[in-house]
Amino acid sequence: MKCNQLYLVIASLLWMSAFRASAADEPDPVIVVTPVPQVPAAIPASAEVLTGKVFESSGIPVSQARSKAPIKLADGINLFADAGVGVGYDSNVTMAQKGQEVGSQVLSLRPTLVAEAKYRSDVYTLAYKGDYTRYPNFDSNKLDNNDFLFNASNVFDSRASVFWGLAHQDRYEPIGSTDRSVGSAVPDHYRAQSTNATFRYGADEATGRIEVDAGMAHKEYLNNRASTASADVDTTNYAARFYYRVASKTRVLTELRRTTFDYVQDTNFLENTDVRAYLGITLDSSSALSGTLKAGQQSKDFAHDQVRPKYEGFSWEAAIRWKPRSYSTFDLAGGRAAVDPTGTTDIPVVKGATLSWTHDWASFVHSRVSGGRANTLYRQTGRHDSEDIYSAGLTYDVRRWLGLSVEYTFSHRDSNMNNNDYIRRLTMLKLDASF
């Protein structure tokens, strides 16, 4: 994907939003609408499908009762600020095999700034998310991650709406988190730009509803070019979904998704087109049981089919939430798919699932327990990895805006190729504040 194509799409989205705002000066009929939410992908259509990082604990949940009063900048414009600091110990910083582990103290800082503007039924969000990690005993693995995000939700009437967004990411991949980074002296550093949009047509109470997605992304690595140059990639994705209501809170759906991966320097012969067709069911979030489950067929057609034959196989995706009580929530996420490798290996087929339980023991005491497993099979070499990750944490709200938490995570990978085995224990003490 050329950069000017990405700029053209961005300009088109901004023009569409501006046209919507100018048209809004005319009186609108009184209608009750729900802005289209960002569509969460339980299993993203990219090389990030069910990597070990999917199962890493994302932190102890902040109390729902904690004050999130915004800083009012102007009429309809609010600013939210959050910050988290952490200190702990990591027994295996690079996820190395037994006998080669390097343990270190961990220091982390996670600032977040979100500016939100509302105009009638439209919402615009500009956000910055930082994630800085230091290992004093292994300084070469320092991580400085910065995300800049812009999201917009434009509601045209009770039936038509569009969600769109832009993102710029400047990130580091920890040593050992990918096949190509094993044994590397420093983390792989990359920058990525992306734009995505989802158009929805159909009222919430309608029998049928249509959603159409489109997006483009460019990812480029900045260091370790001997191993990362072949991973620079342009991605283009399209998808369409049709929902049909079969009960008051239940819809069946059909989905067709197409993603192209165009590698700039395709020395690993990975350029391919990923097509997936799903049938599924979705439950409205207003019920105790909500989420989406879909299953179907995946094909991965490689441009260099003499080197990498076409893959076809069964695929599924799931994101399900069960909330038996207002203070207790169970989340299940998982899937199965063939993905692009993170090194020079053959194509891995990954399947896995994670289950988490979040519980409020009191208005100021909260816990989260999770466990997950991912099985990865490399078809040509016969390599088979099984990775388990478990975590538990407890949060105490010192104030409505301040939380103190402790968390323990255990991860383990067992492979029939012993140099890919690892055991890792991570203990963290965290302080999270909302301003």
Protein backbone atom coordinates (compact mmCIF):
# COMPACT_ATOMS: atom_id res chain seq x y z
CA MET A 1 0.00 0.00 0.00
CA LYS A 2 1.46 3.34 -0.98
CA CYS A 3 1.41 6.11 1.61
CA ASN A 4 -0.51 8.45 -0.69
CA GLN A 5 -3.35 5.92 -0.82
CA LEU A 6 -3.55 6.01 2.98
CA TYR A 7 -3.57 9.82 2.96
CA LEU A 8 -6.37 9.81 0.35
CA VAL A 9 -8.53 7.59 2.55
CA ILE A 10 -7.85 9.77 5.60
CA ALA A 11 -8.79 12.91 3.66
CA SER A 12 -12.02 11.26 2.46
CA LEU A 13 -13.03 10.31 6.00
CA LEU A 14 -12.34 13.82 7.29
CA TRP A 15 -14.36 15.35 4.44
CA MET A 16 -17.26 13.00 5.15
CA SER A 17 -17.23 13.99 8.82
CA ALA A 18 -17.09 17.69 7.95
CA PHE A 19 -19.99 17.30 5.53
CA ARG A 20 -21.98 15.55 8.27
CA ALA A 21 -21.29 18.41 10.71
CA SER A 22 -22.37 21.11 8.26
CA ALA A 23 -25.52 19.23 7.38
CA ALA A 24 -26.34 18.97 11.08
CA ASP A 25 -27.10 22.70 11.21
CA GLU A 26 -30.55 21.89 9.84
CA PRO A 27 -33.16 20.75 12.40
CA ASP A 28 -33.15 16.99 12.93
CA PRO A 29 -36.21 14.93 13.71
CA VAL A 30 -36.45 13.68 17.27
CA ILE A 31 -35.16 10.11 17.15
CA VAL A 32 -33.57 7.69 19.57
CA VAL A 33 -30.32 6.36 18.16
CA THR A 34 -27.37 4.32 19.35
CA PRO A 35 -23.98 5.25 17.89
CA VAL A 36 -22.28 2.32 16.21
CA PRO A 37 -19.60 0.98 18.55
CA GLN A 38 -16.13 -0.05 17.52
CA VAL A 39 -16.45 -3.66 16.43
CA PRO A 40 -14.24 -5.73 18.73
CA ALA A 41 -12.39 -8.54 16.99
CA ALA A 42 -11.99 -11.53 19.27
CA ILE A 43 -9.36 -12.81 16.87
CA PRO A 44 -7.85 -10.06 14.69
CA ALA A 45 -7.21 -10.88 11.02
CA SER A 46 -3.47 -10.35 11.20
CA ALA A 47 -0.27 -11.97 12.36
CA GLU A 48 -1.27 -11.11 15.94
CA VAL A 49 -3.84 -13.92 16.07
CA LEU A 50 -3.65 -15.69 19.41
CA THR A 51 -0.03 -14.96 20.14
CA GLY A 52 1.03 -15.49 23.71
CA LYS A 53 0.44 -11.79 24.37
CA VAL A 54 -3.29 -12.33 23.95
CA PHE A 55 -3.32 -14.18 27.26
CA GLU A 56 -1.14 -11.77 29.22
CA SER A 57 -3.14 -10.14 31.96
CA SER A 58 -4.09 -6.62 30.91
CA GLY A 59 -3.97 -5.37 34.48
CA ILE A 60 -6.28 -5.39 37.43
CA PRO A 61 -9.61 -3.78 36.55
CA VAL A 62 -10.24 -0.29 37.84
CA SER A 63 -13.31 -0.12 40.04
CA GLN A 64 -16.46 0.83 38.18
CA ALA A 65 -17.28 3.05 41.14
CA ARG A 66 -14.01 4.98 40.87
CA SER A 67 -14.57 8.60 39.90
CA LYS A 68 -14.08 9.31 36.21
CA ALA A 69 -15.19 12.93 36.38
CA PRO A 70 -13.73 14.63 33.31
CA ILE A 71 -11.90 17.91 33.04
CA LYS A 72 -14.28 20.16 31.12
CA LEU A 73 -12.38 22.07 28.43
CA ALA A 74 -15.39 23.61 26.69
CA ASP A 75 -19.07 22.98 26.13
CA GLY A 76 -19.28 19.37 24.89
CA ILE A 77 -15.50 18.81 25.12
CA ASN A 78 -14.05 16.80 28.02
CA LEU A 79 -10.61 15.52 28.95
CA PHE A 80 -9.95 12.26 30.82
CA ALA A 81 -6.53 11.50 32.31
CA ASP A 82 -5.24 8.26 33.79
CA ALA A 83 -1.83 7.09 34.94
CA GLY A 84 -0.49 3.79 36.20
CA VAL A 85 2.87 2.95 37.74
CA GLY A 86 4.16 -0.48 38.62
CA VAL A 87 7.12 -2.23 40.18
CA GLY A 88 7.79 -5.96 40.24
CA TYR A 89 10.03 -8.84 39.25
CA ASP A 90 10.22 -10.85 36.01
CA SER A 91 11.97 -14.22 36.30
CA ASN A 92 12.54 -14.61 32.54
CA VAL A 93 12.63 -11.28 30.68
CA THR A 94 13.31 -12.75 27.21
CA MET A 95 11.26 -15.95 27.56
CA ALA A 96 14.45 -17.98 27.14
CA GLN A 97 14.82 -21.72 27.52
CA LYS A 98 15.88 -23.32 30.79
CA GLY A 99 19.41 -22.41 31.82
CA GLN A 100 19.44 -19.18 29.80
CA GLU A 101 16.91 -17.14 31.80
CA VAL A 102 17.63 -13.56 32.77
CA GLY A 103 15.63 -12.23 35.73
CA SER A 104 15.14 -8.57 36.51
CA GLN A 105 13.19 -6.02 38.47
CA VAL A 106 10.43 -4.40 36.37
CA LEU A 107 9.42 -0.73 36.38
CA SER A 108 6.44 0.47 34.37
CA LEU A 109 4.60 3.70 33.60
CA ARG A 110 1.32 3.87 31.65
CA PRO A 111 -0.10 7.38 31.02
CA THR A 112 -3.36 7.88 29.13
CA LEU A 113 -5.02 11.07 27.87
CA VAL A 114 -8.41 11.05 26.16
CA ALA A 115 -10.19 14.11 24.77
CA GLU A 116 -13.84 13.59 23.86
CA ALA A 117 -16.07 15.94 21.88
CA LYS A 118 -19.82 15.40 21.44
CA TYR A 119 -22.05 17.14 18.93
CA ARG A 120 -25.65 15.94 18.84
CA SER A 121 -25.39 12.19 18.18
CA ASP A 122 -21.77 12.34 16.98
CA VAL A 123 -18.76 11.55 19.16
CA TYR A 124 -15.09 12.30 18.42
CA THR A 125 -12.25 10.94 20.53
CA LEU A 126 -8.56 11.83 20.44
CA ALA A 127 -6.34 9.69 22.65
CA TYR A 128 -2.74 9.10 23.63
CA LYS A 129 -1.67 5.88 25.32
CA GLY A 130 1.84 5.32 26.58
CA ASP A 131 3.45 2.19 27.99
CA TYR A 132 7.03 2.47 29.25
CA THR A 133 8.85 -0.53 30.74
CA ARG A 134 12.35 -0.80 32.18
CA TYR A 135 14.35 -3.83 33.32
CA PRO A 136 17.24 -2.53 35.49
CA ASN A 137 19.09 -5.87 35.29
CA PHE A 138 18.57 -6.15 31.51
CA ASP A 139 18.48 -2.57 30.23
CA SER A 140 18.71 -3.53 26.54
CA ASN A 141 15.07 -4.72 26.65
CA LYS A 142 13.64 -1.30 27.54
CA LEU A 143 10.28 -0.64 25.89
CA ASP A 144 8.78 2.75 24.96
CA ASN A 145 5.36 2.28 23.37
CA ASN A 146 3.30 5.24 22.17
CA ASP A 147 -0.14 5.10 20.53
CA PHE A 148 -1.97 8.09 19.04
CA LEU A 149 -5.60 7.35 18.19
CA PHE A 150 -8.50 9.24 16.68
CA ASN A 151 -11.98 7.70 16.59
CA ALA A 152 -15.27 9.11 15.37
CA SER A 153 -18.85 7.90 15.49
CA ASN A 154 -21.23 9.68 13.10
CA VAL A 155 -24.94 8.90 13.30
CA PHE A 156 -26.85 10.00 10.20
CA ASP A 157 -30.31 8.82 11.27
CA SER A 158 -31.93 5.98 13.21
CA ARG A 159 -30.72 3.43 10.64
CA ALA A 160 -27.39 4.62 9.24
CA SER A 161 -24.17 5.31 11.11
CA VAL A 162 -20.43 5.01 10.59
CA PHE A 163 -17.54 4.44 12.94
CA TRP A 164 -14.07 5.32 11.68
CA GLY A 165 -10.65 5.78 13.12
CA LEU A 166 -7.00 6.63 12.51
CA ALA A 167 -4.00 5.36 14.44
CA HIS A 168 -0.27 5.92 14.64
CA GLN A 169 1.77 3.49 16.72
CA ASP A 170 5.43 3.68 17.73
CA ARG A 171 6.23 0.44 19.51
CA TYR A 172 8.85 -2.10 20.51
CA GLU A 173 8.45 -5.89 20.47
CA PRO A 174 10.11 -7.44 23.54
CA ILE A 175 13.10 -9.69 22.93
CA GLY A 176 11.85 -13.28 22.62
CA SER A 177 8.23 -12.34 21.87
CA THR A 178 8.66 -13.29 18.19
CA ASP A 179 10.66 -16.03 16.48
CA ARG A 180 12.93 -13.54 14.72
CA SER A 181 13.80 -11.70 17.98
CA VAL A 182 15.11 -14.76 19.85
CA GLY A 183 18.71 -13.98 20.78
CA SER A 184 18.48 -10.38 19.58
CA ALA A 185 20.52 -7.72 21.39
CA VAL A 186 17.71 -5.12 21.41
CA PRO A 187 13.92 -5.20 20.85
CA ASP A 188 12.52 -4.79 17.34
CA HIS A 189 11.26 -1.21 16.90
CA TYR A 190 8.44 -0.45 14.45
CA ARG A 191 6.00 2.27 13.43
CA ALA A 192 2.55 1.63 12.03
CA GLN A 193 -0.19 3.80 10.58
CA SER A 194 -3.71 2.59 9.96
CA THR A 195 -7.20 3.75 9.06
CA ASN A 196 -10.41 1.75 9.44
CA ALA A 197 -14.11 2.38 8.98
CA THR A 198 -17.32 0.46 9.67
CA PHE A 199 -20.62 1.48 8.09
CA ARG A 200 -23.81 0.16 9.66
CA TYR A 201 -27.28 0.22 8.16
CA GLY A 202 -30.27 -1.00 10.14
CA ALA A 203 -32.03 0.21 13.26
CA ASP A 204 -31.42 -1.57 16.55
CA GLU A 205 -34.98 -2.92 16.58
CA ALA A 206 -34.93 -3.91 12.89
CA THR A 207 -35.08 -7.54 11.76
CA GLY A 208 -32.00 -7.18 9.57
CA ARG A 209 -28.79 -5.15 9.79
CA ILE A 210 -25.78 -4.76 7.49
CA GLU A 211 -22.21 -3.82 8.41
CA VAL A 212 -19.35 -3.13 5.99
CA ASP A 213 -15.69 -2.71 7.02
CA ALA A 214 -12.70 -1.32 5.15
CA GLY A 215 -9.20 -0.55 6.30
CA MET A 216 -5.56 -0.11 5.39
CA ALA A 217 -2.34 -0.25 7.40
CA HIS A 218 1.38 0.19 6.90
CA LYS A 219 3.96 -1.31 9.28
CA GLU A 220 7.69 -0.65 9.03
CA TYR A 221 10.54 -1.72 11.29
CA LEU A 222 13.31 0.74 12.10
CA ASN A 223 16.13 -1.42 13.48
CA ASN A 224 17.58 -4.95 13.33
CA ARG A 225 17.03 -4.72 9.57
CA ALA A 226 18.85 -7.97 8.80
CA SER A 227 15.89 -9.82 10.34
CA THR A 228 13.07 -7.25 10.25
CA ALA A 229 13.25 -5.90 6.67
CA SER A 230 11.24 -8.88 5.43
CA ALA A 231 8.50 -8.10 7.99
CA ASP A 232 7.59 -4.64 6.64
CA VAL A 233 4.04 -5.08 5.40
CA ASP A 234 1.10 -3.22 3.88
CA THR A 235 -2.30 -4.61 4.83
CA THR A 236 -5.67 -4.03 3.21
CA ASN A 237 -8.87 -5.52 4.62
CA TYR A 238 -12.53 -5.62 3.63
CA ALA A 239 -15.43 -7.32 5.38
CA ALA A 240 -19.21 -7.48 5.24
CA ARG A 241 -21.68 -8.86 7.77
CA PHE A 242 -25.42 -9.43 7.74
CA TYR A 243 -27.36 -9.83 10.99
CA TYR A 244 -30.84 -11.33 11.16
CA ARG A 245 -32.87 -11.16 14.36
CA VAL A 246 -34.35 -14.52 15.41
CA ALA A 247 -35.32 -13.51 18.97
CA SER A 248 -35.56 -10.32 21.00
CA LYS A 249 -31.88 -10.48 22.02
CA THR A 250 -30.47 -12.96 19.52
CA ARG A 251 -29.24 -12.55 15.94
CA VAL A 252 -27.67 -14.95 13.49
CA LEU A 253 -24.95 -13.54 11.27
CA THR A 254 -22.99 -14.30 8.14
CA GLU A 255 -19.62 -12.68 7.49
CA LEU A 256 -17.15 -12.54 4.61
CA ARG A 257 -13.69 -11.11 5.28
CA ARG A 258 -10.76 -10.53 2.91
CA THR A 259 -7.30 -9.37 3.99
CA THR A 260 -4.23 -8.94 1.78
CA PHE A 261 -0.69 -8.93 3.19
CA ASP A 262 1.76 -7.24 0.84
CA TYR A 263 5.31 -7.57 2.16
CA VAL A 264 7.62 -4.81 0.92
CA GLN A 265 10.68 -7.09 0.77
CA ASP A 266 9.13 -10.51 0.42
CA THR A 267 12.27 -12.58 0.96
CA ASN A 268 10.28 -15.08 3.05
CA PHE A 269 7.63 -15.48 0.31
CA LEU A 270 4.79 -14.50 2.65
CA GLU A 271 2.66 -12.26 0.39
CA ASN A 272 -0.84 -13.70 0.61
CA THR A 273 -4.58 -13.12 0.57
CA ASP A 274 -6.54 -14.35 3.59
CA VAL A 275 -10.25 -15.01 3.00
CA ARG A 276 -12.64 -16.15 5.73
CA ALA A 277 -16.35 -16.98 5.56
CA TYR A 278 -18.28 -17.37 8.81
CA LEU A 279 -21.72 -18.22 10.11
CA GLY A 280 -22.48 -17.32 13.68
CA ILE A 281 -24.73 -16.05 16.41
CA THR A 282 -24.60 -12.89 18.52
CA LEU A 283 -26.38 -12.03 21.76
CA ASP A 284 -27.22 -8.45 22.74
CA SER A 285 -25.15 -6.91 25.51
CA SER A 286 -28.30 -6.04 27.46
CA SER A 287 -28.72 -9.67 28.53
CA ALA A 288 -26.74 -11.55 31.18
CA LEU A 289 -25.13 -13.60 28.41
CA SER A 290 -23.70 -11.59 25.52
CA GLY A 291 -21.11 -11.88 22.79
CA THR A 292 -20.46 -13.50 19.43
CA LEU A 293 -19.58 -16.99 18.29
CA LYS A 294 -18.83 -17.74 14.63
CA ALA A 295 -17.30 -20.59 12.67
CA GLY A 296 -16.45 -21.24 9.06
CA GLN A 297 -13.69 -21.72 6.51
CA GLN A 298 -10.38 -19.95 6.02
CA SER A 299 -8.15 -19.92 2.94
CA LYS A 300 -4.69 -18.39 2.70
CA ASP A 301 -3.54 -18.07 -0.91
CA PHE A 302 0.18 -17.27 -1.27
CA ALA A 303 1.60 -15.41 -4.24
CA HIS A 304 4.59 -17.78 -4.31
CA ASP A 305 2.59 -21.00 -4.21
CA GLN A 306 5.56 -23.06 -5.40
CA VAL A 307 7.25 -22.28 -2.07
CA ARG A 308 4.22 -21.92 0.18
CA PRO A 309 1.18 -23.97 -0.86
CA LYS A 310 -2.33 -22.63 -0.34
CA TYR A 311 -3.83 -23.26 3.08
CA GLU A 312 -7.48 -24.16 3.60
CA GLY A 313 -8.99 -25.13 6.92
CA PHE A 314 -11.62 -24.72 9.60
CA SER A 315 -11.64 -21.44 11.54
CA TRP A 316 -13.66 -20.07 14.44
CA GLU A 317 -13.78 -16.96 16.64
CA ALA A 318 -15.49 -16.36 19.97
CA ALA A 319 -15.93 -13.49 22.44
CA ILE A 320 -18.52 -14.28 25.09
CA ARG A 321 -19.40 -12.55 28.37
CA TRP A 322 -21.53 -14.00 31.14
CA LYS A 323 -22.60 -11.66 33.95
CA PRO A 324 -24.59 -13.71 36.47
CA ARG A 325 -24.49 -10.83 38.96
CA SER A 326 -23.89 -7.10 38.58
CA TYR A 327 -20.64 -7.53 40.51
CA SER A 328 -19.34 -10.69 38.82
CA THR A 329 -18.29 -11.22 35.19
CA PHE A 330 -16.89 -14.14 33.20
CA ASP A 331 -15.21 -13.53 29.81
CA LEU A 332 -14.30 -16.22 27.28
CA ALA A 333 -12.30 -15.41 24.13
CA GLY A 334 -10.66 -17.71 21.62
CA GLY A 335 -10.33 -18.89 18.07
CA ARG A 336 -8.55 -20.97 15.47
CA ALA A 337 -6.74 -19.65 12.38
CA ALA A 338 -3.64 -19.92 10.23
CA VAL A 339 -1.44 -16.84 10.62
CA ASP A 340 1.68 -15.35 9.11
CA PRO A 341 4.86 -16.41 10.96
CA THR A 342 6.99 -13.98 12.98
CA GLY A 343 10.20 -15.40 11.55
CA THR A 344 11.38 -17.62 8.72
CA THR A 345 9.32 -20.65 9.77
CA ASP A 346 6.43 -22.22 7.89
CA ILE A 347 2.79 -21.17 8.38
CA PRO A 348 1.54 -21.75 11.95
CA VAL A 349 -2.02 -22.81 12.72
CA VAL A 350 -3.02 -21.45 16.12
CA LYS A 351 -5.97 -22.39 18.28
CA GLY A 352 -6.64 -21.37 21.84
CA ALA A 353 -8.92 -19.83 24.41
CA THR A 354 -8.72 -17.79 27.58
CA LEU A 355 -11.23 -17.52 30.44
CA SER A 356 -11.22 -14.71 32.99
CA TRP A 357 -13.34 -13.97 36.06
CA THR A 358 -13.69 -10.46 37.47
CA HIS A 359 -15.44 -10.03 40.81
CA ASP A 360 -16.23 -7.10 43.11
CA TRP A 361 -16.02 -8.41 46.66
CA ALA A 362 -16.98 -4.97 47.99
CA SER A 363 -17.33 -1.50 46.56
CA PHE A 364 -13.58 -1.03 47.10
CA VAL A 365 -12.15 -4.58 46.68
CA HIS A 366 -11.93 -6.29 43.28
CA SER A 367 -10.25 -9.39 41.91
CA ARG A 368 -9.43 -10.89 38.52
CA VAL A 369 -8.38 -14.46 37.74
CA SER A 370 -7.62 -15.71 34.24
CA GLY A 371 -6.22 -18.74 32.47
CA GLY A 372 -5.58 -19.57 28.85
CA ARG A 373 -3.93 -22.01 26.48
CA ALA A 374 -2.71 -21.61 22.90
CA ASN A 375 -1.63 -24.55 20.75
CA THR A 376 0.46 -23.77 17.67
CA LEU A 377 1.19 -26.31 14.93
CA TYR A 378 3.70 -25.70 12.12
CA ARG A 379 2.50 -27.95 9.33
CA GLN A 380 5.69 -28.52 7.34
CA THR A 381 8.31 -28.81 10.09
CA GLY A 382 6.03 -30.59 12.57
CA ARG A 383 6.88 -28.15 15.35
CA HIS A 384 4.16 -28.04 18.01
CA ASP A 385 4.02 -25.48 20.83
CA SER A 386 1.61 -25.50 23.75
CA GLU A 387 1.51 -22.31 25.82
CA ASP A 388 -0.32 -21.78 29.11
CA ILE A 389 -0.70 -18.46 30.91
CA TYR A 390 -2.42 -17.95 34.28
CA SER A 391 -2.81 -14.79 36.30
CA ALA A 392 -4.46 -13.59 39.50
CA GLY A 393 -4.75 -10.13 40.96
CA LEU A 394 -6.43 -8.12 43.67
CA THR A 395 -7.23 -4.39 43.74
CA TYR A 396 -7.98 -2.15 46.71
CA ASP A 397 -9.48 1.29 46.08
CA VAL A 398 -7.60 3.63 48.39
CA ARG A 399 -9.78 6.44 47.06
CA ARG A 400 -12.50 6.55 44.45
CA TRP A 401 -9.86 7.81 42.00
CA LEU A 402 -6.89 5.75 43.27
CA GLY A 403 -6.35 1.99 43.27
CA LEU A 404 -3.58 -0.22 44.64
CA SER A 405 -3.21 -3.71 43.16
CA VAL A 406 -1.01 -6.76 43.26
CA GLU A 407 -0.80 -9.26 40.40
CA TYR A 408 0.95 -12.56 39.67
CA THR A 409 1.29 -14.11 36.20
CA PHE A 410 2.72 -17.54 35.36
CA SER A 411 3.41 -18.50 31.76
CA HIS A 412 4.86 -21.67 30.31
CA ARG A 413 5.52 -22.96 26.80
CA ASP A 414 6.16 -26.63 26.05
CA SER A 415 7.45 -27.46 22.57
CA ASN A 416 8.61 -30.62 20.83
CA MET A 417 11.62 -28.48 19.85
CA ASN A 418 13.17 -27.92 23.27
CA ASN A 419 14.88 -24.62 22.42
CA ASN A 420 11.38 -23.06 22.31
CA ASP A 421 10.44 -24.05 25.88
CA TYR A 422 10.26 -21.43 28.60
CA ILE A 423 8.87 -20.75 32.09
CA ARG A 424 8.17 -17.23 33.27
CA ARG A 425 6.90 -15.75 36.54
CA LEU A 426 5.91 -12.10 36.80
CA THR A 427 4.91 -10.36 40.04
CA MET A 428 3.72 -6.73 39.97
CA LEU A 429 2.60 -4.09 42.48
CA LYS A 430 0.63 -1.35 40.73
CA LEU A 431 -0.86 2.04 41.52
CA ASP A 432 -3.54 3.38 39.16
CA ALA A 433 -5.06 6.85 39.31
CA SER A 434 -7.85 8.59 37.39
CA PHE A 435 -7.79 12.38 37.30
